[in-house]
Amino acid sequence: MAERGGRVVGFGEAGPGTVIAVYVDPADVLQGVGTTILRHAVALARREHEGPVRLEATLNARDFYEGAGFREIKRSTVRRNHVDIPVVVMECDAGYQRL
C-alpha cells in the first residue's frame, strides 16, 4: 500500500510468479507511485519462484508494464460480473530488471 499525507494513493498484490494487481488513484498517476508498487510486487513475485513473472494487464495499462520491462505474450479476456474484459498477458524474465 502506498500512502501520501495519510491518504492511500495506491496498492499492489503479488503471489509466487505473478503480479496480481497494481492500482494507483487516478489523481496520483505519473508521480512514480505505480513504478514503486510494481517494483515491490515483482520482488514479492520472485520470492520462491525462479521463472518469469507474469501478469494480466488491462489494455490501458499495457504501455506502463511494457515500459517497466514486461513483454506481451498473448491477448485474452477475463470475465468480471458477467462481462468479458480484454487483457494482455505479459511476462518479465527472471533476470531482466528494468524497473
N, C-alpha and C. Protein backbone atom coordinates (compact mmCIF):
# COMPACT_ATOMS: atom_id res chain seq x y z
N MET A 1 0.84 -1.17 0.00
CA MET A 1 0.00 0.00 0.00
C MET A 1 0.90 1.24 0.00
N ALA A 2 0.51 2.23 -0.77
CA ALA A 2 1.25 3.49 -0.83
C ALA A 2 0.37 4.59 -0.25
N GLU A 3 0.98 5.39 0.61
CA GLU A 3 0.25 6.49 1.24
C GLU A 3 0.98 7.81 0.99
N ARG A 4 0.21 8.86 0.94
CA ARG A 4 0.77 10.21 0.85
C ARG A 4 -0.12 11.12 1.69
N GLY A 5 0.48 11.75 2.67
CA GLY A 5 -0.28 12.64 3.54
C GLY A 5 -1.41 11.96 4.28
N GLY A 6 -1.20 10.69 4.66
CA GLY A 6 -2.23 9.95 5.38
C GLY A 6 -3.34 9.41 4.50
N ARG A 7 -3.20 9.54 3.19
CA ARG A 7 -4.22 9.09 2.23
C ARG A 7 -3.65 7.95 1.40
N VAL A 8 -4.39 6.88 1.22
CA VAL A 8 -3.97 5.77 0.37
C VAL A 8 -4.02 6.23 -1.08
N VAL A 9 -2.89 6.12 -1.78
CA VAL A 9 -2.83 6.54 -3.18
C VAL A 9 -2.62 5.37 -4.13
N GLY A 10 -2.37 4.18 -3.59
CA GLY A 10 -2.21 3.02 -4.43
C GLY A 10 -1.97 1.76 -3.63
N PHE A 11 -2.07 0.62 -4.31
CA PHE A 11 -1.78 -0.66 -3.67
C PHE A 11 -1.37 -1.67 -4.72
N GLY A 12 -0.77 -2.75 -4.27
CA GLY A 12 -0.39 -3.84 -5.15
C GLY A 12 -0.54 -5.16 -4.45
N GLU A 13 -0.54 -6.23 -5.25
CA GLU A 13 -0.64 -7.58 -4.72
C GLU A 13 0.15 -8.51 -5.63
N ALA A 14 0.82 -9.49 -5.04
CA ALA A 14 1.60 -10.44 -5.82
C ALA A 14 1.59 -11.80 -5.14
N GLY A 15 1.81 -12.83 -5.93
CA GLY A 15 1.98 -14.19 -5.44
C GLY A 15 3.18 -14.77 -6.16
N PRO A 16 3.58 -15.98 -5.82
CA PRO A 16 4.74 -16.58 -6.49
C PRO A 16 4.58 -16.58 -8.02
N GLY A 17 5.45 -15.89 -8.70
CA GLY A 17 5.45 -15.87 -10.16
C GLY A 17 4.43 -14.97 -10.82
N THR A 18 3.66 -14.23 -10.03
CA THR A 18 2.62 -13.41 -10.65
C THR A 18 2.39 -12.10 -9.91
N VAL A 19 2.20 -11.04 -10.67
CA VAL A 19 1.74 -9.77 -10.13
C VAL A 19 0.23 -9.78 -10.33
N ILE A 20 -0.51 -9.70 -9.24
CA ILE A 20 -1.95 -9.81 -9.29
C ILE A 20 -2.61 -8.45 -9.53
N ALA A 21 -2.08 -7.41 -8.89
CA ALA A 21 -2.71 -6.10 -9.03
C ALA A 21 -1.71 -4.99 -8.75
N VAL A 22 -1.82 -3.93 -9.52
CA VAL A 22 -1.15 -2.65 -9.24
C VAL A 22 -2.20 -1.59 -9.53
N TYR A 23 -2.56 -0.83 -8.51
CA TYR A 23 -3.57 0.20 -8.68
C TYR A 23 -3.05 1.51 -8.10
N VAL A 24 -3.25 2.59 -8.86
CA VAL A 24 -2.89 3.93 -8.40
C VAL A 24 -4.12 4.82 -8.58
N ASP A 25 -4.42 5.60 -7.55
CA ASP A 25 -5.52 6.56 -7.63
C ASP A 25 -5.26 7.47 -8.85
N PRO A 26 -6.25 7.66 -9.71
CA PRO A 26 -6.05 8.50 -10.89
C PRO A 26 -5.49 9.89 -10.59
N ALA A 27 -5.75 10.41 -9.41
CA ALA A 27 -5.23 11.73 -9.04
C ALA A 27 -3.73 11.70 -8.77
N ASP A 28 -3.15 10.50 -8.69
CA ASP A 28 -1.74 10.38 -8.32
C ASP A 28 -0.90 9.66 -9.37
N VAL A 29 -1.40 9.52 -10.59
CA VAL A 29 -0.62 8.87 -11.64
C VAL A 29 0.52 9.79 -12.10
N LEU A 30 1.49 9.19 -12.75
CA LEU A 30 2.66 9.88 -13.31
C LEU A 30 3.51 10.56 -12.23
N GLN A 31 3.51 9.97 -11.05
CA GLN A 31 4.32 10.50 -9.96
C GLN A 31 5.24 9.44 -9.37
N GLY A 32 5.38 8.30 -10.06
CA GLY A 32 6.26 7.23 -9.61
C GLY A 32 5.63 6.25 -8.65
N VAL A 33 4.38 6.47 -8.28
CA VAL A 33 3.71 5.58 -7.34
C VAL A 33 3.56 4.18 -7.93
N GLY A 34 3.07 4.10 -9.16
CA GLY A 34 2.88 2.80 -9.80
C GLY A 34 4.17 2.04 -9.99
N THR A 35 5.22 2.74 -10.37
CA THR A 35 6.53 2.09 -10.55
C THR A 35 7.04 1.53 -9.23
N THR A 36 6.89 2.29 -8.17
CA THR A 36 7.32 1.82 -6.85
C THR A 36 6.53 0.59 -6.42
N ILE A 37 5.22 0.63 -6.60
CA ILE A 37 4.38 -0.51 -6.24
C ILE A 37 4.75 -1.72 -7.09
N LEU A 38 4.91 -1.52 -8.40
CA LEU A 38 5.25 -2.63 -9.29
C LEU A 38 6.61 -3.23 -8.92
N ARG A 39 7.58 -2.40 -8.62
CA ARG A 39 8.91 -2.89 -8.23
C ARG A 39 8.79 -3.82 -7.01
N HIS A 40 8.02 -3.39 -6.03
CA HIS A 40 7.83 -4.20 -4.82
C HIS A 40 7.05 -5.49 -5.14
N ALA A 41 6.02 -5.39 -5.97
CA ALA A 41 5.23 -6.57 -6.34
C ALA A 41 6.07 -7.59 -7.08
N VAL A 42 6.94 -7.14 -7.99
CA VAL A 42 7.82 -8.07 -8.72
C VAL A 42 8.79 -8.74 -7.75
N ALA A 43 9.33 -8.00 -6.81
CA ALA A 43 10.23 -8.60 -5.81
C ALA A 43 9.49 -9.68 -5.02
N LEU A 44 8.25 -9.42 -4.64
CA LEU A 44 7.46 -10.43 -3.93
C LEU A 44 7.18 -11.63 -4.83
N ALA A 45 6.86 -11.39 -6.09
CA ALA A 45 6.55 -12.47 -7.03
C ALA A 45 7.77 -13.36 -7.28
N ARG A 46 8.96 -12.80 -7.17
CA ARG A 46 10.18 -13.58 -7.41
C ARG A 46 10.62 -14.40 -6.20
N ARG A 47 10.07 -14.10 -5.03
CA ARG A 47 10.38 -14.92 -3.85
C ARG A 47 9.88 -16.33 -4.10
N GLU A 48 10.73 -17.29 -3.87
CA GLU A 48 10.38 -18.71 -4.03
C GLU A 48 9.89 -19.04 -5.44
N HIS A 49 10.33 -18.27 -6.43
CA HIS A 49 9.96 -18.51 -7.83
C HIS A 49 11.14 -18.13 -8.71
N GLU A 50 11.54 -19.03 -9.60
CA GLU A 50 12.71 -18.76 -10.43
C GLU A 50 12.41 -18.53 -11.89
N GLY A 51 11.19 -18.58 -12.32
CA GLY A 51 10.86 -18.36 -13.72
C GLY A 51 10.43 -16.94 -13.99
N PRO A 52 9.86 -16.71 -15.16
CA PRO A 52 9.35 -15.38 -15.48
C PRO A 52 8.20 -14.99 -14.55
N VAL A 53 8.04 -13.70 -14.39
CA VAL A 53 6.91 -13.16 -13.62
C VAL A 53 5.84 -12.75 -14.62
N ARG A 54 4.61 -13.18 -14.39
CA ARG A 54 3.51 -12.89 -15.30
C ARG A 54 2.48 -11.97 -14.66
N LEU A 55 1.72 -11.31 -15.53
CA LEU A 55 0.59 -10.50 -15.08
C LEU A 55 -0.40 -10.39 -16.22
N GLU A 56 -1.61 -10.00 -15.89
CA GLU A 56 -2.66 -9.71 -16.87
C GLU A 56 -2.93 -8.22 -16.80
N ALA A 57 -2.59 -7.51 -17.86
CA ALA A 57 -2.76 -6.05 -17.90
C ALA A 57 -4.02 -5.68 -18.65
N THR A 58 -4.70 -4.66 -18.16
CA THR A 58 -5.78 -4.09 -18.96
C THR A 58 -5.14 -3.37 -20.15
N LEU A 59 -5.91 -3.15 -21.18
CA LEU A 59 -5.35 -2.54 -22.39
C LEU A 59 -4.75 -1.16 -22.11
N ASN A 60 -5.36 -0.39 -21.21
CA ASN A 60 -4.83 0.95 -20.94
C ASN A 60 -3.56 0.92 -20.09
N ALA A 61 -3.24 -0.22 -19.46
CA ALA A 61 -2.03 -0.33 -18.64
C ALA A 61 -0.89 -1.02 -19.36
N ARG A 62 -1.13 -1.53 -20.55
CA ARG A 62 -0.13 -2.28 -21.30
C ARG A 62 1.17 -1.50 -21.48
N ASP A 63 1.11 -0.26 -21.89
CA ASP A 63 2.31 0.53 -22.13
C ASP A 63 3.11 0.76 -20.85
N PHE A 64 2.42 0.93 -19.72
CA PHE A 64 3.10 1.09 -18.44
C PHE A 64 3.95 -0.14 -18.14
N TYR A 65 3.36 -1.32 -18.27
CA TYR A 65 4.10 -2.55 -17.98
C TYR A 65 5.21 -2.80 -19.00
N GLU A 66 4.95 -2.48 -20.24
CA GLU A 66 5.99 -2.65 -21.26
C GLU A 66 7.18 -1.74 -20.94
N GLY A 67 6.92 -0.53 -20.53
CA GLY A 67 7.99 0.39 -20.15
C GLY A 67 8.78 -0.08 -18.94
N ALA A 68 8.15 -0.94 -18.13
CA ALA A 68 8.81 -1.48 -16.95
C ALA A 68 9.56 -2.78 -17.24
N GLY A 69 9.51 -3.23 -18.50
CA GLY A 69 10.27 -4.41 -18.87
C GLY A 69 9.47 -5.66 -19.16
N PHE A 70 8.16 -5.58 -19.07
CA PHE A 70 7.33 -6.74 -19.41
C PHE A 70 7.09 -6.77 -20.91
N ARG A 71 6.86 -7.97 -21.44
CA ARG A 71 6.56 -8.10 -22.86
C ARG A 71 5.26 -8.89 -23.03
N GLU A 72 4.54 -8.56 -24.07
CA GLU A 72 3.26 -9.21 -24.33
C GLU A 72 3.48 -10.65 -24.75
N ILE A 73 2.71 -11.56 -24.16
CA ILE A 73 2.74 -12.98 -24.51
C ILE A 73 1.54 -13.32 -25.38
N LYS A 74 0.37 -12.85 -24.96
CA LYS A 74 -0.85 -13.12 -25.73
C LYS A 74 -1.96 -12.18 -25.26
N ARG A 75 -3.02 -12.13 -26.05
CA ARG A 75 -4.24 -11.39 -25.69
C ARG A 75 -5.25 -12.41 -25.20
N SER A 76 -6.07 -11.99 -24.26
CA SER A 76 -7.07 -12.88 -23.69
C SER A 76 -8.22 -12.04 -23.16
N THR A 77 -9.14 -12.68 -22.46
CA THR A 77 -10.21 -11.97 -21.78
C THR A 77 -10.40 -12.59 -20.40
N VAL A 78 -10.89 -11.78 -19.48
CA VAL A 78 -11.30 -12.27 -18.16
C VAL A 78 -12.75 -11.85 -17.98
N ARG A 79 -13.49 -12.64 -17.24
CA ARG A 79 -14.91 -12.34 -17.02
C ARG A 79 -15.07 -11.76 -15.62
N ARG A 80 -15.64 -10.57 -15.55
CA ARG A 80 -15.93 -9.91 -14.28
C ARG A 80 -17.38 -9.45 -14.31
N ASN A 81 -18.17 -9.92 -13.35
CA ASN A 81 -19.59 -9.54 -13.27
C ASN A 81 -20.31 -9.77 -14.59
N HIS A 82 -20.08 -10.91 -15.21
CA HIS A 82 -20.73 -11.32 -16.45
C HIS A 82 -20.31 -10.49 -17.66
N VAL A 83 -19.18 -9.81 -17.57
CA VAL A 83 -18.68 -9.00 -18.67
C VAL A 83 -17.27 -9.49 -19.03
N ASP A 84 -17.03 -9.75 -20.31
CA ASP A 84 -15.69 -10.13 -20.77
C ASP A 84 -14.85 -8.87 -20.93
N ILE A 85 -13.70 -8.86 -20.27
CA ILE A 85 -12.79 -7.71 -20.33
C ILE A 85 -11.52 -8.14 -21.03
N PRO A 86 -11.11 -7.45 -22.10
CA PRO A 86 -9.86 -7.82 -22.77
C PRO A 86 -8.65 -7.51 -21.90
N VAL A 87 -7.69 -8.43 -21.89
CA VAL A 87 -6.45 -8.24 -21.15
C VAL A 87 -5.28 -8.65 -22.02
N VAL A 88 -4.10 -8.20 -21.61
CA VAL A 88 -2.86 -8.59 -22.26
C VAL A 88 -2.06 -9.37 -21.24
N VAL A 89 -1.76 -10.63 -21.54
CA VAL A 89 -0.92 -11.44 -20.67
C VAL A 89 0.52 -11.05 -20.98
N MET A 90 1.25 -10.67 -19.94
CA MET A 90 2.62 -10.18 -20.11
C MET A 90 3.54 -10.91 -19.14
N GLU A 91 4.84 -10.93 -19.47
CA GLU A 91 5.79 -11.52 -18.55
C GLU A 91 7.12 -10.79 -18.62
N CYS A 92 7.87 -10.96 -17.55
CA CYS A 92 9.20 -10.37 -17.41
C CYS A 92 10.13 -11.51 -17.01
N ASP A 93 11.22 -11.69 -17.73
CA ASP A 93 12.16 -12.75 -17.41
C ASP A 93 12.74 -12.57 -16.02
N ALA A 94 13.11 -13.67 -15.41
CA ALA A 94 13.62 -13.66 -14.04
C ALA A 94 14.86 -12.79 -13.91
N GLY A 95 15.72 -12.77 -14.91
CA GLY A 95 16.95 -12.00 -14.81
C GLY A 95 16.84 -10.57 -15.33
N TYR A 96 15.72 -10.22 -15.91
CA TYR A 96 15.55 -8.89 -16.51
C TYR A 96 15.02 -7.90 -15.49
N GLN A 97 15.70 -6.80 -15.33
CA GLN A 97 15.31 -5.82 -14.30
C GLN A 97 15.39 -4.42 -14.87
N ARG A 98 14.33 -3.93 -15.49
CA ARG A 98 14.30 -2.56 -15.98
C ARG A 98 13.70 -1.63 -14.95
N LEU A 99 12.98 -2.19 -14.02
CA LEU A 99 12.25 -1.38 -13.04
C LEU A 99 13.17 -0.48 -12.26
